[in-house]
Amino acid sequence: MAKTMALAKAHTLSPAQTANIRGQIAGLMQDHVSIANEVILGTVDWNPTQARVFSALLNKVVPDLKSSSVHLETSDKNVIDMSREELERIAAGIDAIEAEVITDEDSK
């Protein structure tokens, strides 16, 4: 277990890599949500292992609301002043941004 933890610390994922993995899991889960609906309706049966796996994967894409926290941070930054990590988070869709385009004519 210690060896696994050491490897995990040595090879941390960037926000972009994390978002990519979640996207892949979400793509796989899309097919299974309709099957889960059939399980709920009683037309399909799942064994307990299938239900646990579905739940675990779903929690990777849509975390439990009880364990999620909302953190709102607002700031105004010029793109030139942003770090690479901030830009990667925005590109990965992790940080939603609202922007207003200001042309040179507007700034005069």
Protein backbone atom coordinates (compact mmCIF):
# COMPACT_ATOMS: atom_id res chain seq x y z
CA MET A 1 0.00 0.00 0.00
CA ALA A 2 2.85 2.39 0.82
CA LYS A 3 4.38 1.74 -2.60
CA THR A 4 1.07 2.59 -4.29
CA MET A 5 0.74 5.82 -2.29
CA ALA A 6 4.30 6.81 -3.19
CA LEU A 7 3.55 6.24 -6.88
CA ALA A 8 0.36 8.27 -6.62
CA LYS A 9 2.21 11.19 -5.06
CA ALA A 10 4.99 11.02 -7.65
CA HIS A 11 2.58 10.99 -10.58
CA THR A 12 -0.12 13.53 -9.82
CA LEU A 13 -2.61 14.39 -12.54
CA SER A 14 -3.00 17.86 -13.95
CA PRO A 15 -6.48 19.40 -13.96
CA ALA A 16 -6.66 18.77 -17.71
CA GLN A 17 -5.83 15.07 -17.25
CA THR A 18 -8.41 14.75 -14.47
CA ALA A 19 -11.06 16.40 -16.65
CA ASN A 20 -10.14 14.08 -19.53
CA ILE A 21 -10.53 10.97 -17.35
CA ARG A 22 -13.88 12.21 -16.01
CA GLY A 23 -15.00 12.84 -19.58
CA GLN A 24 -14.09 9.30 -20.57
CA ILE A 25 -15.96 7.88 -17.59
CA ALA A 26 -18.97 10.10 -18.42
CA GLY A 27 -18.97 8.75 -21.97
CA LEU A 28 -19.01 5.18 -20.70
CA MET A 29 -21.69 5.96 -18.13
CA GLN A 30 -24.01 7.48 -20.73
CA ASP A 31 -24.87 4.02 -22.07
CA HIS A 32 -25.41 2.60 -18.60
CA VAL A 33 -27.76 5.30 -17.35
CA SER A 34 -30.50 4.05 -19.65
CA ILE A 35 -29.91 0.50 -18.39
CA ALA A 36 -30.04 1.78 -14.80
CA ASN A 37 -33.41 3.35 -15.60
CA GLU A 38 -34.64 -0.07 -16.75
CA VAL A 39 -33.38 -1.52 -13.44
CA ILE A 40 -35.40 1.11 -11.59
CA LEU A 41 -38.47 0.27 -13.68
CA GLY A 42 -37.97 -3.42 -12.89
CA THR A 43 -37.49 -4.61 -16.47
CA VAL A 44 -33.80 -5.48 -15.94
CA ASP A 45 -32.08 -7.05 -12.91
CA TRP A 46 -28.61 -6.16 -11.66
CA ASN A 47 -26.67 -8.10 -9.09
CA PRO A 48 -25.24 -6.18 -6.11
CA THR A 49 -21.78 -5.99 -7.67
CA GLN A 50 -23.13 -4.37 -10.84
CA ALA A 51 -25.05 -1.84 -8.78
CA ARG A 52 -21.97 -0.96 -6.68
CA VAL A 53 -19.78 -0.54 -9.77
CA PHE A 54 -22.39 1.68 -11.43
CA SER A 55 -22.66 3.78 -8.26
CA ALA A 56 -18.88 4.13 -7.92
CA LEU A 57 -18.42 5.21 -11.53
CA LEU A 58 -21.36 7.59 -11.38
CA ASN A 59 -19.84 9.23 -8.30
CA LYS A 60 -16.66 9.89 -10.30
CA VAL A 61 -18.68 11.92 -12.79
CA VAL A 62 -21.41 13.37 -10.55
CA PRO A 63 -20.22 13.49 -6.94
CA ASP A 64 -22.70 13.13 -4.10
CA LEU A 65 -24.14 16.55 -3.31
CA LYS A 66 -23.65 16.01 0.42
CA SER A 67 -19.91 15.66 -0.04
CA SER A 68 -19.59 18.45 -2.60
CA SER A 69 -18.92 21.96 -1.53
CA VAL A 70 -19.60 25.10 -3.47
CA HIS A 71 -16.79 27.58 -3.68
CA LEU A 72 -17.40 30.79 -5.56
CA GLU A 73 -14.43 32.90 -6.46
CA THR A 74 -14.62 35.88 -8.71
CA SER A 75 -11.76 37.82 -10.13
CA ASP A 76 -10.95 40.01 -13.06
CA LYS A 77 -7.70 39.07 -14.74
CA ASN A 78 -6.21 39.80 -18.07
CA VAL A 79 -5.34 36.62 -20.01
CA ILE A 80 -1.72 37.77 -20.17
CA ASP A 81 -1.57 37.80 -16.35
CA MET A 82 -2.96 34.27 -15.94
CA SER A 83 -0.77 31.30 -15.05
CA ARG A 84 -0.53 28.21 -17.23
CA GLU A 85 -2.47 26.23 -14.62
CA GLU A 86 -5.32 28.77 -14.64
CA LEU A 87 -5.48 28.67 -18.43
CA GLU A 88 -5.47 24.84 -18.42
CA ARG A 89 -8.34 24.81 -15.92
CA ILE A 90 -10.37 27.13 -18.14
CA ALA A 91 -9.53 25.12 -21.28
CA ALA A 92 -10.57 21.90 -19.51
CA GLY A 93 -13.90 23.49 -18.57
CA ILE A 94 -13.13 23.29 -14.87
CA ASP A 95 -13.43 27.03 -14.34
CA ALA A 96 -16.40 28.54 -16.11
CA ILE A 97 -15.73 32.08 -17.20
CA GLU A 98 -17.87 34.89 -18.41
CA ALA A 99 -16.04 37.36 -20.58
CA GLU A 100 -16.84 40.61 -22.23
CA VAL A 101 -14.96 41.47 -25.40
CA ILE A 102 -13.45 44.94 -25.25
CA THR A 103 -12.17 46.29 -28.52
CA ASP A 104 -9.52 48.98 -28.81
CA GLU A 105 -12.23 51.45 -29.75
CA ASP A 106 -14.14 50.73 -26.51
CA SER A 107 -11.10 51.36 -24.33
CA LYS A 108 -10.52 54.89 -25.71
